[in-house]
N, C-alpha and C. Protein backbone atom coordinates (compact mmCIF):
# COMPACT_ATOMS: atom_id res chain seq x y z
N UNK A 1 7.06 25.35 12.90
CA UNK A 1 8.14 24.75 12.15
C UNK A 1 7.96 23.23 12.03
N UNK A 2 7.66 22.57 13.16
CA UNK A 2 7.53 21.11 13.14
C UNK A 2 6.34 20.69 12.28
N UNK A 3 5.28 21.48 12.30
CA UNK A 3 4.12 21.10 11.48
C UNK A 3 4.46 21.19 10.00
N UNK A 4 5.32 22.13 9.62
CA UNK A 4 5.74 22.22 8.22
C UNK A 4 6.54 21.00 7.79
N UNK A 5 7.44 20.56 8.67
CA UNK A 5 8.22 19.35 8.39
C UNK A 5 7.29 18.13 8.30
N UNK A 6 6.36 18.04 9.23
CA UNK A 6 5.42 16.92 9.22
C UNK A 6 4.56 16.93 7.96
N UNK A 7 4.12 18.11 7.52
CA UNK A 7 3.30 18.18 6.31
C UNK A 7 4.07 17.67 5.10
N UNK A 8 5.35 18.02 5.01
CA UNK A 8 6.17 17.53 3.90
C UNK A 8 6.34 16.01 4.01
N UNK A 9 6.63 15.53 5.21
CA UNK A 9 6.84 14.10 5.40
C UNK A 9 5.59 13.28 5.06
N UNK A 10 4.42 13.78 5.48
CA UNK A 10 3.20 13.01 5.22
C UNK A 10 2.86 13.03 3.72
N UNK A 11 3.16 14.13 3.05
CA UNK A 11 2.95 14.15 1.60
C UNK A 11 3.91 13.20 0.89
N UNK A 12 5.15 13.17 1.34
CA UNK A 12 6.11 12.23 0.75
C UNK A 12 5.69 10.78 1.00
N UNK A 13 5.36 10.49 2.25
CA UNK A 13 4.99 9.11 2.59
C UNK A 13 3.73 8.64 1.90
N UNK A 14 2.69 9.46 1.92
CA UNK A 14 1.45 9.05 1.26
C UNK A 14 1.61 9.07 -0.26
N UNK A 15 2.47 9.95 -0.76
CA UNK A 15 2.73 9.98 -2.21
C UNK A 15 3.49 8.74 -2.68
N UNK A 16 4.50 8.35 -1.91
CA UNK A 16 5.24 7.13 -2.25
C UNK A 16 4.32 5.92 -2.18
N UNK A 17 3.51 5.84 -1.13
CA UNK A 17 2.58 4.72 -0.98
C UNK A 17 1.62 4.64 -2.16
N UNK A 18 0.98 5.75 -2.47
CA UNK A 18 0.04 5.77 -3.60
C UNK A 18 0.75 5.47 -4.91
N UNK A 19 1.94 6.03 -5.08
CA UNK A 19 2.69 5.82 -6.32
C UNK A 19 3.12 4.38 -6.53
N UNK A 20 3.62 3.77 -5.47
CA UNK A 20 4.05 2.36 -5.57
C UNK A 20 2.85 1.46 -5.87
N UNK A 21 1.77 1.64 -5.11
CA UNK A 21 0.60 0.79 -5.33
C UNK A 21 -0.01 1.02 -6.71
N UNK A 22 -0.03 2.27 -7.17
CA UNK A 22 -0.54 2.57 -8.50
C UNK A 22 0.33 1.92 -9.57
N UNK A 23 1.64 2.02 -9.42
CA UNK A 23 2.55 1.42 -10.40
C UNK A 23 2.40 -0.10 -10.46
N UNK A 24 2.23 -0.72 -9.30
CA UNK A 24 2.00 -2.17 -9.28
C UNK A 24 0.69 -2.51 -10.00
N UNK A 25 -0.36 -1.73 -9.72
CA UNK A 25 -1.65 -1.99 -10.36
C UNK A 25 -1.60 -1.77 -11.86
N UNK A 26 -0.84 -0.78 -12.28
CA UNK A 26 -0.80 -0.42 -13.70
C UNK A 26 0.12 -1.31 -14.52
N UNK A 27 1.20 -1.76 -13.93
CA UNK A 27 2.21 -2.47 -14.72
C UNK A 27 2.49 -3.89 -14.25
N UNK A 28 2.73 -4.06 -12.97
CA UNK A 28 3.14 -5.37 -12.46
C UNK A 28 2.00 -6.37 -12.50
N UNK A 29 0.83 -5.97 -12.02
CA UNK A 29 -0.31 -6.90 -12.00
C UNK A 29 -0.68 -7.44 -13.38
N UNK A 30 -0.79 -6.59 -14.40
CA UNK A 30 -1.10 -7.14 -15.73
C UNK A 30 -0.05 -8.13 -16.22
N UNK A 31 1.21 -7.85 -15.92
CA UNK A 31 2.27 -8.77 -16.35
C UNK A 31 2.17 -10.10 -15.61
N UNK A 32 1.99 -10.03 -14.29
CA UNK A 32 1.89 -11.27 -13.51
C UNK A 32 0.66 -12.08 -13.89
N UNK A 33 -0.41 -11.42 -14.25
CA UNK A 33 -1.67 -12.14 -14.51
C UNK A 33 -1.63 -12.99 -15.77
N UNK A 34 -0.74 -12.69 -16.70
CA UNK A 34 -0.67 -13.48 -17.94
C UNK A 34 0.43 -14.53 -17.93
N UNK A 35 1.18 -14.59 -16.85
CA UNK A 35 2.28 -15.57 -16.77
C UNK A 35 1.74 -16.95 -16.42
N UNK A 36 2.37 -17.99 -16.95
CA UNK A 36 2.06 -19.34 -16.47
C UNK A 36 2.39 -19.41 -14.98
N UNK A 37 1.77 -20.36 -14.29
CA UNK A 37 1.90 -20.45 -12.83
C UNK A 37 3.35 -20.50 -12.37
N UNK A 38 4.20 -21.27 -13.02
CA UNK A 38 5.59 -21.39 -12.56
C UNK A 38 6.34 -20.06 -12.69
N UNK A 39 6.13 -19.37 -13.79
CA UNK A 39 6.78 -18.06 -13.96
C UNK A 39 6.22 -17.03 -13.00
N UNK A 40 4.92 -17.10 -12.76
CA UNK A 40 4.30 -16.19 -11.80
C UNK A 40 4.92 -16.36 -10.42
N UNK A 41 5.03 -17.59 -9.95
CA UNK A 41 5.60 -17.84 -8.62
C UNK A 41 7.03 -17.33 -8.56
N UNK A 42 7.82 -17.61 -9.58
CA UNK A 42 9.21 -17.15 -9.63
C UNK A 42 9.27 -15.63 -9.61
N UNK A 43 8.49 -14.97 -10.47
CA UNK A 43 8.49 -13.50 -10.54
C UNK A 43 7.96 -12.88 -9.25
N UNK A 44 6.93 -13.48 -8.68
CA UNK A 44 6.36 -12.97 -7.44
C UNK A 44 7.40 -12.95 -6.33
N UNK A 45 8.17 -14.00 -6.24
CA UNK A 45 9.22 -14.06 -5.22
C UNK A 45 10.26 -12.97 -5.43
N UNK A 46 10.65 -12.75 -6.68
CA UNK A 46 11.65 -11.72 -6.97
C UNK A 46 11.12 -10.31 -6.71
N UNK A 47 9.92 -10.05 -7.17
CA UNK A 47 9.34 -8.71 -7.05
C UNK A 47 9.06 -8.36 -5.59
N UNK A 48 8.57 -9.32 -4.83
CA UNK A 48 8.18 -9.03 -3.46
C UNK A 48 9.30 -9.06 -2.44
N UNK A 49 10.49 -9.38 -2.86
CA UNK A 49 11.59 -9.59 -1.93
C UNK A 49 11.88 -8.39 -1.02
N UNK A 50 11.82 -7.17 -1.53
CA UNK A 50 12.25 -6.01 -0.76
C UNK A 50 11.10 -5.12 -0.26
N UNK A 51 9.87 -5.52 -0.51
CA UNK A 51 8.75 -4.71 -0.04
C UNK A 51 8.67 -4.69 1.47
N UNK A 52 8.88 -5.84 2.10
CA UNK A 52 8.87 -5.89 3.56
C UNK A 52 10.29 -5.75 4.06
N UNK A 53 10.57 -4.89 4.98
CA UNK A 53 9.68 -4.07 5.80
C UNK A 53 9.51 -2.64 5.27
N UNK A 54 9.96 -2.35 4.07
CA UNK A 54 9.95 -0.97 3.57
C UNK A 54 8.55 -0.37 3.49
N UNK A 55 7.64 -1.01 2.78
CA UNK A 55 6.32 -0.41 2.61
C UNK A 55 5.53 -0.32 3.92
N UNK A 56 5.52 -1.35 4.75
CA UNK A 56 4.81 -1.18 6.03
C UNK A 56 5.38 -0.02 6.86
N UNK A 57 6.69 0.16 6.84
CA UNK A 57 7.30 1.26 7.60
C UNK A 57 6.85 2.61 7.04
N UNK A 58 6.80 2.73 5.73
CA UNK A 58 6.37 3.99 5.12
C UNK A 58 4.90 4.27 5.43
N UNK A 59 4.06 3.26 5.26
CA UNK A 59 2.63 3.45 5.49
C UNK A 59 2.35 3.77 6.95
N UNK A 60 2.91 3.02 7.86
CA UNK A 60 2.63 3.24 9.29
C UNK A 60 3.26 4.53 9.82
N UNK A 61 4.45 4.88 9.35
CA UNK A 61 5.05 6.14 9.82
C UNK A 61 4.26 7.33 9.25
N UNK A 62 3.76 7.21 8.03
CA UNK A 62 2.93 8.27 7.47
C UNK A 62 1.62 8.39 8.24
N UNK A 63 1.06 7.27 8.65
CA UNK A 63 -0.15 7.28 9.48
C UNK A 63 0.13 8.00 10.79
N UNK A 64 1.27 7.72 11.41
CA UNK A 64 1.62 8.37 12.67
C UNK A 64 1.79 9.88 12.50
N UNK A 65 2.41 10.29 11.41
CA UNK A 65 2.59 11.72 11.17
C UNK A 65 1.23 12.38 10.91
N UNK A 66 0.35 11.70 10.17
CA UNK A 66 -1.01 12.20 9.99
C UNK A 66 -1.70 12.41 11.33
N UNK A 67 -1.57 11.44 12.22
CA UNK A 67 -2.20 11.55 13.55
C UNK A 67 -1.61 12.71 14.34
N UNK A 68 -0.30 12.89 14.25
CA UNK A 68 0.33 14.02 14.94
C UNK A 68 -0.22 15.34 14.42
N UNK A 69 -0.36 15.45 13.11
CA UNK A 69 -0.90 16.67 12.52
C UNK A 69 -2.36 16.88 12.91
N UNK A 70 -3.08 15.79 13.09
CA UNK A 70 -4.47 15.88 13.55
C UNK A 70 -4.53 16.57 14.90
N UNK A 71 -3.58 16.28 15.78
CA UNK A 71 -3.56 16.86 17.12
C UNK A 71 -2.91 18.24 17.15
N UNK A 72 -1.97 18.49 16.25
CA UNK A 72 -1.25 19.77 16.27
C UNK A 72 -1.98 20.91 15.58
N UNK A 73 -2.87 20.59 14.67
CA UNK A 73 -3.53 21.62 13.87
C UNK A 73 -5.01 21.74 14.20
N UNK A 74 -5.59 22.80 13.75
CA UNK A 74 -6.99 23.07 13.97
C UNK A 74 -7.82 22.62 12.76
N UNK A 75 -9.12 22.42 12.97
CA UNK A 75 -10.01 22.14 11.83
C UNK A 75 -10.04 23.33 10.88
N UNK A 76 -10.27 23.13 9.63
CA UNK A 76 -10.62 21.87 8.98
C UNK A 76 -9.42 21.03 8.55
N UNK A 77 -8.19 21.61 8.60
CA UNK A 77 -7.02 20.84 8.17
C UNK A 77 -6.86 19.57 9.00
N UNK A 78 -7.11 19.65 10.30
CA UNK A 78 -6.95 18.47 11.16
C UNK A 78 -7.91 17.35 10.75
N UNK A 79 -9.09 17.71 10.27
CA UNK A 79 -10.04 16.69 9.82
C UNK A 79 -9.51 15.95 8.60
N UNK A 80 -8.90 16.71 7.69
CA UNK A 80 -8.34 16.07 6.48
C UNK A 80 -7.17 15.16 6.84
N UNK A 81 -6.33 15.60 7.81
CA UNK A 81 -5.23 14.74 8.24
C UNK A 81 -5.76 13.49 8.97
N UNK A 82 -6.84 13.64 9.70
CA UNK A 82 -7.46 12.48 10.35
C UNK A 82 -7.97 11.50 9.29
N UNK A 83 -8.57 12.04 8.23
CA UNK A 83 -9.03 11.18 7.13
C UNK A 83 -7.85 10.48 6.47
N UNK A 84 -6.75 11.22 6.25
CA UNK A 84 -5.54 10.60 5.68
C UNK A 84 -5.03 9.47 6.55
N UNK A 85 -5.02 9.69 7.86
CA UNK A 85 -4.56 8.65 8.79
C UNK A 85 -5.46 7.42 8.72
N UNK A 86 -6.77 7.65 8.72
CA UNK A 86 -7.71 6.51 8.66
C UNK A 86 -7.54 5.73 7.36
N UNK A 87 -7.37 6.44 6.27
CA UNK A 87 -7.21 5.77 4.98
C UNK A 87 -5.91 4.99 4.91
N UNK A 88 -4.81 5.59 5.39
CA UNK A 88 -3.54 4.87 5.38
C UNK A 88 -3.57 3.67 6.32
N UNK A 89 -4.22 3.83 7.46
CA UNK A 89 -4.35 2.69 8.38
C UNK A 89 -5.13 1.56 7.71
N UNK A 90 -6.15 1.92 6.95
CA UNK A 90 -6.93 0.90 6.23
C UNK A 90 -6.08 0.23 5.15
N UNK A 91 -5.22 0.99 4.49
CA UNK A 91 -4.27 0.39 3.53
C UNK A 91 -3.44 -0.68 4.25
N UNK A 92 -2.95 -0.33 5.42
CA UNK A 92 -2.14 -1.27 6.19
C UNK A 92 -2.93 -2.51 6.60
N UNK A 93 -4.17 -2.32 7.02
CA UNK A 93 -5.01 -3.45 7.44
C UNK A 93 -5.28 -4.38 6.25
N UNK A 94 -5.63 -3.80 5.11
CA UNK A 94 -5.87 -4.63 3.91
C UNK A 94 -4.60 -5.38 3.53
N UNK A 95 -3.47 -4.69 3.56
CA UNK A 95 -2.20 -5.34 3.23
C UNK A 95 -1.92 -6.49 4.18
N UNK A 96 -2.02 -6.20 5.48
CA UNK A 96 -1.63 -7.18 6.49
C UNK A 96 -2.55 -8.40 6.53
N UNK A 97 -3.85 -8.16 6.38
CA UNK A 97 -4.81 -9.26 6.55
C UNK A 97 -5.29 -9.89 5.24
N UNK A 98 -5.00 -9.26 4.10
CA UNK A 98 -5.45 -9.83 2.83
C UNK A 98 -4.28 -10.16 1.90
N UNK A 99 -3.48 -9.16 1.54
CA UNK A 99 -2.42 -9.40 0.57
C UNK A 99 -1.24 -10.19 1.13
N UNK A 100 -0.81 -9.85 2.34
CA UNK A 100 0.36 -10.53 2.91
C UNK A 100 0.13 -12.03 3.10
N UNK A 101 -1.01 -12.48 3.61
CA UNK A 101 -1.22 -13.93 3.72
C UNK A 101 -1.15 -14.64 2.36
N UNK A 102 -1.68 -13.99 1.33
CA UNK A 102 -1.58 -14.58 -0.01
C UNK A 102 -0.12 -14.63 -0.44
N UNK A 103 0.62 -13.56 -0.19
CA UNK A 103 2.04 -13.54 -0.54
C UNK A 103 2.80 -14.69 0.14
N UNK A 104 2.47 -14.93 1.39
CA UNK A 104 3.16 -16.00 2.13
C UNK A 104 2.90 -17.37 1.51
N UNK A 105 1.68 -17.60 1.05
CA UNK A 105 1.40 -18.90 0.43
C UNK A 105 2.12 -19.07 -0.89
N UNK A 106 2.32 -17.97 -1.61
CA UNK A 106 3.04 -18.06 -2.89
C UNK A 106 4.53 -18.23 -2.65
N UNK A 107 5.07 -17.55 -1.65
CA UNK A 107 6.51 -17.59 -1.39
C UNK A 107 7.02 -18.98 -1.03
N UNK A 108 6.17 -19.84 -0.47
CA UNK A 108 6.63 -21.17 -0.08
C UNK A 108 6.57 -22.18 -1.23
N UNK A 109 5.97 -21.77 -2.34
CA UNK A 109 5.86 -22.68 -3.49
C UNK A 109 7.19 -22.79 -4.22
N UNK A 110 7.44 -23.97 -4.75
CA UNK A 110 8.57 -24.19 -5.64
C UNK A 110 8.04 -24.01 -7.05
N UNK A 111 8.58 -23.04 -7.81
CA UNK A 111 8.06 -22.80 -9.15
C UNK A 111 8.14 -24.03 -10.07
N UNK A 112 9.06 -24.93 -9.77
CA UNK A 112 9.20 -26.14 -10.59
C UNK A 112 8.28 -27.27 -10.14
N UNK A 113 7.56 -27.06 -9.05
CA UNK A 113 6.67 -28.09 -8.52
C UNK A 113 5.34 -27.49 -8.06
N UNK A 114 4.64 -26.87 -8.98
CA UNK A 114 3.33 -26.31 -8.65
C UNK A 114 2.38 -27.50 -8.43
N UNK A 115 1.70 -27.55 -7.28
CA UNK A 115 0.84 -28.69 -6.99
C UNK A 115 -0.32 -28.82 -7.99
N UNK A 116 -0.70 -30.05 -8.26
CA UNK A 116 -1.87 -30.30 -9.09
C UNK A 116 -3.08 -29.73 -8.36
N UNK A 117 -3.94 -29.04 -9.07
CA UNK A 117 -5.11 -28.45 -8.46
C UNK A 117 -4.82 -27.17 -7.69
N UNK A 118 -3.64 -26.60 -7.95
CA UNK A 118 -3.24 -25.35 -7.29
C UNK A 118 -4.29 -24.28 -7.52
N UNK A 119 -4.69 -23.62 -6.44
CA UNK A 119 -5.66 -22.53 -6.53
C UNK A 119 -4.90 -21.23 -6.80
N UNK A 120 -5.09 -20.66 -7.97
CA UNK A 120 -4.40 -19.44 -8.37
C UNK A 120 -4.91 -18.25 -7.55
N UNK A 121 -4.03 -17.61 -6.75
CA UNK A 121 -4.46 -16.51 -5.89
C UNK A 121 -4.50 -15.15 -6.58
N UNK A 122 -4.08 -15.08 -7.83
CA UNK A 122 -3.95 -13.78 -8.49
C UNK A 122 -5.24 -12.98 -8.56
N UNK A 123 -6.39 -13.56 -8.92
CA UNK A 123 -7.60 -12.73 -8.96
C UNK A 123 -7.97 -12.12 -7.60
N UNK A 124 -7.85 -12.89 -6.54
CA UNK A 124 -8.16 -12.38 -5.21
C UNK A 124 -7.14 -11.32 -4.79
N UNK A 125 -5.87 -11.60 -5.02
CA UNK A 125 -4.81 -10.65 -4.67
C UNK A 125 -5.03 -9.33 -5.42
N UNK A 126 -5.41 -9.42 -6.68
CA UNK A 126 -5.64 -8.23 -7.51
C UNK A 126 -6.79 -7.39 -6.95
N UNK A 127 -7.86 -8.03 -6.53
CA UNK A 127 -9.00 -7.29 -5.95
C UNK A 127 -8.59 -6.54 -4.69
N UNK A 128 -7.88 -7.22 -3.80
CA UNK A 128 -7.42 -6.57 -2.58
C UNK A 128 -6.43 -5.46 -2.89
N UNK A 129 -5.58 -5.67 -3.86
CA UNK A 129 -4.60 -4.65 -4.22
C UNK A 129 -5.28 -3.41 -4.80
N UNK A 130 -6.29 -3.62 -5.62
CA UNK A 130 -7.02 -2.46 -6.17
C UNK A 130 -7.67 -1.65 -5.06
N UNK A 131 -8.22 -2.34 -4.06
CA UNK A 131 -8.82 -1.63 -2.94
C UNK A 131 -7.80 -0.77 -2.22
N UNK A 132 -6.65 -1.36 -1.89
CA UNK A 132 -5.67 -0.56 -1.15
C UNK A 132 -5.06 0.54 -2.00
N UNK A 133 -5.02 0.35 -3.32
CA UNK A 133 -4.54 1.41 -4.20
C UNK A 133 -5.49 2.61 -4.16
N UNK A 134 -6.79 2.34 -4.26
CA UNK A 134 -7.78 3.42 -4.19
C UNK A 134 -7.70 4.12 -2.83
N UNK A 135 -7.57 3.36 -1.76
CA UNK A 135 -7.45 3.95 -0.43
C UNK A 135 -6.20 4.83 -0.30
N UNK A 136 -5.09 4.37 -0.87
CA UNK A 136 -3.85 5.15 -0.81
C UNK A 136 -3.97 6.43 -1.62
N UNK A 137 -4.61 6.36 -2.78
CA UNK A 137 -4.82 7.57 -3.58
C UNK A 137 -5.72 8.56 -2.85
N UNK A 138 -6.75 8.05 -2.18
CA UNK A 138 -7.62 8.93 -1.39
C UNK A 138 -6.87 9.54 -0.21
N UNK A 139 -5.98 8.78 0.41
CA UNK A 139 -5.17 9.31 1.52
C UNK A 139 -4.27 10.44 1.02
N UNK A 140 -3.65 10.24 -0.12
CA UNK A 140 -2.82 11.30 -0.69
C UNK A 140 -3.65 12.54 -0.98
N UNK A 141 -4.83 12.36 -1.54
CA UNK A 141 -5.72 13.49 -1.82
C UNK A 141 -6.12 14.21 -0.53
N UNK A 142 -6.42 13.46 0.52
CA UNK A 142 -6.78 14.06 1.81
C UNK A 142 -5.61 14.86 2.38
N UNK A 143 -4.42 14.29 2.31
CA UNK A 143 -3.24 14.98 2.84
C UNK A 143 -2.89 16.22 2.03
N UNK A 144 -3.05 16.13 0.73
CA UNK A 144 -2.79 17.30 -0.13
C UNK A 144 -3.81 18.39 0.14
N UNK A 145 -5.07 18.01 0.32
CA UNK A 145 -6.11 18.98 0.63
C UNK A 145 -5.80 19.68 1.96
N UNK A 146 -5.41 18.91 2.96
CA UNK A 146 -5.06 19.50 4.27
C UNK A 146 -3.89 20.46 4.14
N UNK A 147 -2.87 20.07 3.37
CA UNK A 147 -1.70 20.92 3.22
C UNK A 147 -2.05 22.25 2.55
N UNK A 148 -3.02 22.25 1.68
CA UNK A 148 -3.44 23.47 1.00
C UNK A 148 -4.24 24.40 1.90
N UNK A 149 -4.72 23.90 3.02
CA UNK A 149 -5.54 24.70 3.92
C UNK A 149 -4.73 25.53 4.91
N UNK A 150 -3.45 25.32 4.93
CA UNK A 150 -2.62 26.00 5.94
C UNK A 150 -1.88 27.16 5.33
């Protein structure tokens, strides 16, 4: 019974993670990339306001459920859940060590006072975001594959 609940939870969590990151890559990033610096900073602050702590909680709790399923189930399903956990953990690492530091530097800027010679972080942020989006989609695929094996 508990494994059934966990399988649903991990599919929901990894699905939300992949869906949110995919939506940002498909719609938000292109919009932000064409904005002048002042509008970008303003929009970035508005858009990012509620992501923390929501997304880290979803990603890390889904990773924990994946790990639990790895221990509760037998191979080959447990291997797929282990892969899902590793991929989601990597999403978290990329977010924490690449995207979040960039977000922090943008959040402290005043949109009306962009410094002369400001280094635009959008290309770097976009590359890191694409990586974590691919990782999240792979995690969802791994979790879906595991769920089909039971």
